[in-house]
C-alpha atoms as a PDB file:
ATOM      1  CA  MET A   1     -18.215  47.429  12.471  1.00  0.00           C
ATOM      2  CA  LYS A   2     -16.935  46.657   9.027  1.00  0.00           C
ATOM      3  CA  TYR A   3     -13.171  47.216  10.115  1.00  0.00           C
ATOM      4  CA  PHE A   4     -13.876  45.116  13.290  1.00  0.00           C
ATOM      5  CA  ILE A   5     -14.918  42.183  11.113  1.00  0.00           C
ATOM      6  CA  TYR A   6     -11.826  42.592   9.046  1.00  0.00           C
ATOM      7  CA  ILE A   7      -9.726  42.454  12.199  1.00  0.00           C
ATOM      8  CA  ILE A   8     -11.381  39.386  13.372  1.00  0.00           C
ATOM      9  CA  ILE A   9     -10.740  37.560   9.990  1.00  0.00           C
ATOM     10  CA  ILE A  10      -7.144  38.721  10.022  1.00  0.00           C
ATOM     11  CA  MET A  11      -6.646  37.567  13.602  1.00  0.00           C
ATOM     12  CA  GLY A  12      -8.137  34.055  12.721  1.00  0.00           C
ATOM     13  CA  ILE A  13      -5.918  33.726   9.721  1.00  0.00           C
ATOM     14  CA  LEU A  14      -2.710  34.595  11.727  1.00  0.00           C
ATOM     15  CA  SER A  15      -3.869  32.262  14.520  1.00  0.00           C
ATOM     16  CA  MET A  16      -4.100  29.431  11.990  1.00  0.00           C
ATOM     17  CA  ALA A  17      -0.786  30.183  10.628  1.00  0.00           C
ATOM     18  CA  SER A  18       0.989  30.279  13.782  1.00  0.00           C
ATOM     19  CA  SER A  19      -0.595  27.021  15.094  1.00  0.00           C
ATOM     20  CA  SER A  20       0.426  25.151  11.867  1.00  0.00           C
ATOM     21  CA  SER A  21       4.084  26.620  12.401  1.00  0.00           C
ATOM     22  CA  ASN A  22       4.303  25.180  15.836  1.00  0.00           C
ATOM     23  CA  ALA A  23       4.887  21.743  14.212  1.00  0.00           C
ATOM     24  CA  GLU A  24       8.259  20.211  14.615  1.00  0.00           C
ATOM     25  CA  SER A  25       9.782  17.839  12.108  1.00  0.00           C
ATOM     26  CA  VAL A  26      12.270  14.964  12.092  1.00  0.00           C
ATOM     27  CA  THR A  27      13.967  13.885   8.870  1.00  0.00           C
ATOM     28  CA  LEU A  28      14.931  10.257   8.583  1.00  0.00           C
ATOM     29  CA  LYS A  29      17.111   8.494   6.242  1.00  0.00           C
ATOM     30  CA  PRO A  30      16.625   4.979   5.102  1.00  0.00           C
ATOM     31  CA  GLY A  31      17.871   2.523   7.523  1.00  0.00           C
ATOM     32  CA  ASN A  32      17.644  -0.364   5.053  1.00  0.00           C
ATOM     33  CA  LEU A  33      17.182   0.017   1.230  1.00  0.00           C
ATOM     34  CA  GLN A  34      17.028  -2.509  -1.625  1.00  0.00           C
ATOM     35  CA  SER A  35      16.215  -2.438  -5.191  1.00  0.00           C
ATOM     36  CA  ILE A  36      14.388  -5.397  -6.993  1.00  0.00           C
ATOM     37  CA  SER A  37      14.031  -6.173 -10.664  1.00  0.00           C
ATOM     38  CA  LEU A  38      10.425  -6.251 -11.565  1.00  0.00           C
ATOM     39  CA  LYS A  39      10.882  -8.043 -15.023  1.00  0.00           C
ATOM     40  CA  GLU A  40      13.407 -10.551 -16.018  1.00  0.00           C
ATOM     41  CA  ASP A  41      14.896  -8.647 -19.076  1.00  0.00           C
ATOM     42  CA  SER A  42      14.200  -5.112 -17.981  1.00  0.00           C
ATOM     43  CA  SER A  43      15.865  -2.458 -15.825  1.00  0.00           C
ATOM     44  CA  GLU A  44      12.482  -1.549 -14.343  1.00  0.00           C
ATOM     45  CA  LYS A  45      13.021  -1.576 -10.479  1.00  0.00           C
ATOM     46  CA  ALA A  46      11.048  -1.329  -7.373  1.00  0.00           C
ATOM     47  CA  PHE A  47      12.596  -0.155  -3.932  1.00  0.00           C
ATOM     48  CA  LEU A  48      12.024  -1.432  -0.683  1.00  0.00           C
ATOM     49  CA  VAL A  49      12.952   1.093   1.961  1.00  0.00           C
ATOM     50  CA  TYR A  50      12.827   0.814   5.817  1.00  0.00           C
ATOM     51  CA  PHE A  51      12.854   3.943   8.094  1.00  0.00           C
ATOM     52  CA  GLU A  52      13.427   3.523  11.866  1.00  0.00           C
ATOM     53  CA  ILE A  53      10.742   5.628  13.547  1.00  0.00           C
ATOM     54  CA  PRO A  54      12.100   7.416  16.619  1.00  0.00           C
ATOM     55  CA  GLU A  55      10.936   6.262  19.981  1.00  0.00           C
ATOM     56  CA  LYS A  56       9.822   9.971  20.821  1.00  0.00           C
ATOM     57  CA  LEU A  57       7.112   9.770  18.220  1.00  0.00           C
ATOM     58  CA  ASN A  58       5.468   6.880  20.206  1.00  0.00           C
ATOM     59  CA  SER A  59       4.743   9.114  22.987  1.00  0.00           C
ATOM     60  CA  LYS A  60       0.995   9.567  23.936  1.00  0.00           C
ATOM     61  CA  ASN A  61       1.563  13.414  23.793  1.00  0.00           C
ATOM     62  CA  ILE A  62       2.713  13.583  20.222  1.00  0.00           C
ATOM     63  CA  ALA A  63       0.421  13.941  17.321  1.00  0.00           C
ATOM     64  CA  VAL A  64       1.736  13.440  13.802  1.00  0.00           C
ATOM     65  CA  GLU A  65       0.497  16.058  11.678  1.00  0.00           C
ATOM     66  CA  SER A  66       1.899  14.868   8.321  1.00  0.00           C
ATOM     67  CA  ALA A  67       4.579  12.635   6.796  1.00  0.00           C
ATOM     68  CA  ARG A  68       6.262  13.048   3.312  1.00  0.00           C
ATOM     69  CA  LEU A  69       8.437  10.536   1.537  1.00  0.00           C
ATOM     70  CA  LEU A  70      10.788  12.349  -0.784  1.00  0.00           C
ATOM     71  CA  PHE A  71      12.953  10.797  -3.476  1.00  0.00           C
ATOM     72  CA  ASP A  72      14.080  11.535  -7.084  1.00  0.00           C
ATOM     73  CA  ALA A  73      12.137  10.137 -10.202  1.00  0.00           C
ATOM     74  CA  CYS A  74      11.441  10.656 -13.799  1.00  0.00           C
ATOM     75  CA  VAL A  75       9.695   8.871 -16.616  1.00  0.00           C
ATOM     76  CA  SER A  76      10.708   8.274 -20.333  1.00  0.00           C
ATOM     77  CA  GLY A  77       9.362   6.521 -23.423  1.00  0.00           C
ATOM     78  CA  ASP A  78       5.859   7.917 -22.891  1.00  0.00           C
ATOM     79  CA  SER A  79       4.389  11.233 -21.669  1.00  0.00           C
ATOM     80  CA  ILE A  80       3.151  10.091 -18.294  1.00  0.00           C
ATOM     81  CA  GLY A  81       3.696   7.147 -15.594  1.00  0.00           C
ATOM     82  CA  GLU A  82       2.631   6.579 -12.229  1.00  0.00           C
ATOM     83  CA  ILE A  83       4.484   5.456  -9.068  1.00  0.00           C
ATOM     84  CA  GLU A  84       2.703   3.668  -6.273  1.00  0.00           C
ATOM     85  CA  ILE A  85       3.766   3.442  -2.565  1.00  0.00           C
ATOM     86  CA  TYR A  86       2.582   0.988  -0.078  1.00  0.00           C
ATOM     87  CA  PRO A  87       3.590  -0.412   3.308  1.00  0.00           C
ATOM     88  CA  LEU A  88       5.236  -3.727   3.193  1.00  0.00           C
ATOM     89  CA  THR A  89       3.444  -6.670   5.078  1.00  0.00           C
ATOM     90  CA  THR A  90       6.662  -8.991   4.728  1.00  0.00           C
ATOM     91  CA  SER A  91      10.059  -8.445   6.392  1.00  0.00           C
ATOM     92  CA  ASP A  92      11.567 -11.260   4.142  1.00  0.00           C
ATOM     93  CA  TRP A  93      12.818  -8.969   1.528  1.00  0.00           C
ATOM     94  CA  SER A  94      14.766 -11.782  -0.181  1.00  0.00           C
ATOM     95  CA  SER A  95      11.886 -13.496  -1.218  1.00  0.00           C
ATOM     96  CA  ILE A  96      10.054 -10.477  -2.961  1.00  0.00           C
ATOM     97  CA  GLU A  97      11.768 -10.853  -6.156  1.00  0.00           C
ATOM     98  CA  LYS A  98      10.076 -14.109  -6.863  1.00  0.00           C
ATOM     99  CA  TYR A  99       6.813 -12.747  -7.399  1.00  0.00           C
ATOM    100  CA  ASP A 100       5.150 -12.020 -10.792  1.00  0.00           C
ATOM    101  CA  TRP A 101       4.759  -8.313 -10.713  1.00  0.00           C
ATOM    102  CA  THR A 102       2.516  -8.043 -13.564  1.00  0.00           C
ATOM    103  CA  SER A 103      -0.273  -9.781 -11.583  1.00  0.00           C
ATOM    104  CA  SER A 104      -3.112  -8.002  -9.915  1.00  0.00           C
ATOM    105  CA  LYS A 105      -2.624  -6.071  -6.884  1.00  0.00           C
ATOM    106  CA  GLU A 106      -4.591  -8.443  -4.676  1.00  0.00           C
ATOM    107  CA  ASN A 107      -2.152 -11.305  -5.565  1.00  0.00           C
ATOM    108  CA  LEU A 108       0.686  -9.182  -4.114  1.00  0.00           C
ATOM    109  CA  SER A 109      -1.150  -8.757  -0.767  1.00  0.00           C
ATOM    110  CA  ASN A 110       1.386 -11.016   1.063  1.00  0.00           C
ATOM    111  CA  ILE A 111       4.092  -8.423  -0.056  1.00  0.00           C
ATOM    112  CA  TYR A 112       2.312  -5.170   0.568  1.00  0.00           C
ATOM    113  CA  SER A 113      -0.908  -3.782   1.788  1.00  0.00           C
ATOM    114  CA  ILE A 114      -3.239  -1.779  -0.511  1.00  0.00           C
ATOM    115  CA  VAL A 115      -5.522  -0.984   2.473  1.00  0.00           C
ATOM    116  CA  ILE A 116      -3.225   2.009   3.746  1.00  0.00           C
ATOM    117  CA  PRO A 117      -1.452   3.335   0.568  1.00  0.00           C
ATOM    118  CA  GLY A 118       0.828   6.482   0.263  1.00  0.00           C
ATOM    119  CA  LYS A 119      -0.294   9.021  -2.270  1.00  0.00           C
ATOM    120  CA  HIS A 120       0.620   7.710  -5.756  1.00  0.00           C
ATOM    121  CA  LEU A 121       2.616  10.012  -7.909  1.00  0.00           C
ATOM    122  CA  THR A 122       2.184  10.826 -11.611  1.00  0.00           C
ATOM    123  CA  LEU A 123       5.310  11.637 -13.347  1.00  0.00           C
ATOM    124  CA  LYS A 124       5.197  13.802 -16.789  1.00  0.00           C
ATOM    125  CA  LEU A 125       7.889  13.305 -19.381  1.00  0.00           C
ATOM    126  CA  GLU A 126       8.351  17.058 -19.738  1.00  0.00           C
ATOM    127  CA  ASP A 127       9.193  17.485 -15.986  1.00  0.00           C
ATOM    128  CA  GLY A 128      12.328  15.410 -16.183  1.00  0.00           C
ATOM    129  CA  LYS A 129      14.078  14.228 -13.349  1.00  0.00           C
ATOM    130  CA  LYS A 130      12.715  15.833 -10.148  1.00  0.00           C
ATOM    131  CA  THR A 131      12.271  15.315  -6.311  1.00  0.00           C
ATOM    132  CA  VAL A 132       8.881  13.929  -5.813  1.00  0.00           C
ATOM    133  CA  ARG A 133       6.880  13.909  -2.448  1.00  0.00           C
ATOM    134  CA  SER A 134       4.220  11.441  -1.475  1.00  0.00           C
ATOM    135  CA  ASN A 135       1.930  11.872   1.460  1.00  0.00           C
ATOM    136  CA  VAL A 136       2.594   8.816   3.501  1.00  0.00           C
ATOM    137  CA  THR A 137       0.965  10.109   6.698  1.00  0.00           C
ATOM    138  CA  ALA A 138      -1.731   7.377   6.904  1.00  0.00           C
ATOM    139  CA  ILE A 139       1.276   4.755   6.819  1.00  0.00           C
ATOM    140  CA  VAL A 140       3.212   6.472   9.450  1.00  0.00           C
ATOM    141  CA  LYS A 141       0.095   6.829  11.577  1.00  0.00           C
ATOM    142  CA  ALA A 142      -0.778   3.271  11.193  1.00  0.00           C
ATOM    143  CA  TRP A 143       2.817   2.272  12.434  1.00  0.00           C
ATOM    144  CA  LEU A 144       2.581   4.478  15.309  1.00  0.00           C
ATOM    145  CA  ASN A 145      -0.771   3.330  16.404  1.00  0.00           C
ATOM    146  CA  GLU A 146       0.298  -0.261  15.859  1.00  0.00           C
ATOM    147  CA  ASP A 147      -2.569  -0.941  13.182  1.00  0.00           C
ATOM    148  CA  ILE A 148       0.449  -2.397  10.958  1.00  0.00           C
ATOM    149  CA  VAL A 149       3.938  -3.378  11.843  1.00  0.00           C
ATOM    150  CA  ASN A 150       6.690  -1.110  10.187  1.00  0.00           C
ATOM    151  CA  LYS A 151       8.361  -3.572   7.780  1.00  0.00           C
ATOM    152  CA  GLY A 152       9.108  -0.779   5.326  1.00  0.00           C
ATOM    153  CA  ILE A 153       7.618   0.759   2.123  1.00  0.00           C
ATOM    154  CA  ILE A 154       7.750  -0.347  -1.378  1.00  0.00           C
ATOM    155  CA  ILE A 155       7.953   2.243  -4.147  1.00  0.00           C
ATOM    156  CA  THR A 156       7.028   0.724  -7.530  1.00  0.00           C
ATOM    157  CA  PRO A 157       6.026   1.611 -11.009  1.00  0.00           C
ATOM    158  CA  SER A 158       2.286   1.030 -11.287  1.00  0.00           C
ATOM    159  CA  ILE A 159       1.428  -2.422 -12.307  1.00  0.00           C
ATOM    160  CA  ALA A 160      -0.996  -0.973 -14.858  1.00  0.00           C
ATOM    161  CA  TYR A 161       1.875   1.222 -16.484  1.00  0.00           C
ATOM    162  CA  LEU A 162       4.399  -1.632 -15.946  1.00  0.00           C
ATOM    163  CA  THR A 163       2.683  -3.765 -18.537  1.00  0.00           C
ATOM    164  CA  ASN A 164       3.267  -0.937 -21.073  1.00  0.00           C
ATOM    165  CA  SER A 165       6.769  -1.477 -22.516  1.00  0.00           C
ATOM    166  CA  ASP A 166       7.134   1.915 -23.894  1.00  0.00           C
ATOM    167  CA  ILE A 167       7.421   3.339 -20.507  1.00  0.00           C
ATOM    168  CA  LYS A 168      10.715   3.614 -18.680  1.00  0.00           C
ATOM    169  CA  TYR A 169      11.083   4.708 -15.071  1.00  0.00           C
ATOM    170  CA  SER A 170      14.108   6.043 -13.224  1.00  0.00           C
ATOM    171  CA  ILE A 171      13.775   6.077  -9.437  1.00  0.00           C
ATOM    172  CA  ASP A 172      16.661   7.297  -7.606  1.00  0.00           C
ATOM    173  CA  MET A 173      16.741   6.728  -3.924  1.00  0.00           C
ATOM    174  CA  THR A 174      20.146   8.326  -3.177  1.00  0.00           C
ATOM    175  CA  ASN A 175      18.667  11.291  -1.324  1.00  0.00           C
ATOM    176  CA  ALA A 176      15.571   9.623  -0.228  1.00  0.00           C
ATOM    177  CA  ARG A 177      14.183  10.731   3.147  1.00  0.00           C
ATOM    178  CA  LEU A 178      11.030  10.590   5.237  1.00  0.00           C
ATOM    179  CA  ILE A 179       9.988  13.938   6.837  1.00  0.00           C
ATOM    180  CA  ILE A 180       7.448  13.554   9.791  1.00  0.00           C
ATOM    181  CA  TYR A 181       5.825  16.830  11.023  1.00  0.00           C
ATOM    182  CA  TYR A 182       4.468  16.565  14.471  1.00  0.00           C
ATOM    183  CA  THR A 183       3.061  18.663  17.541  1.00  0.00           C
ATOM    184  CA  PHE A 184       2.812  18.084  21.265  1.00  0.00           C
ATOM    185  CA  GLU A 185      -0.611  17.717  22.549  1.00  0.00           C
END
């Protein structure tokens, strides 16, 4: 009886592993990318990035399992910093640099939505430059469900950290990509 229970447990684990490995993926490169200065006399930048979502993901028989945004980043001048990721609410990217980036998030709601954020990323000085991953599944699902229109994503140093002049961020979008994992229902 004891061995029978072990066999059932092992079969359950193998079943879960094989079902998650059935997910397919699509890797997207930015269709549009723009950097914007966050302070007048600073090299601090945010990035606006747009990914064209493939039509096949809009199918009723496709279920998005997860979505990951990957890019390179590091922090210097302090031991820790944070990067925030939000869906854009405006497609007029040329007007975005005119805003006061040190104001509260609520004042920036006509630029991006704080309702459906990507996973914020904490950067540590000792890690140096590395590829970071943000879970943006909620954003991608909201685009596909037409809860929000895909106008792109903003990747920005945290406003709270941005007011600390000791922190310097380096965000490198050269190899940025969005990986979407999906299954057929």
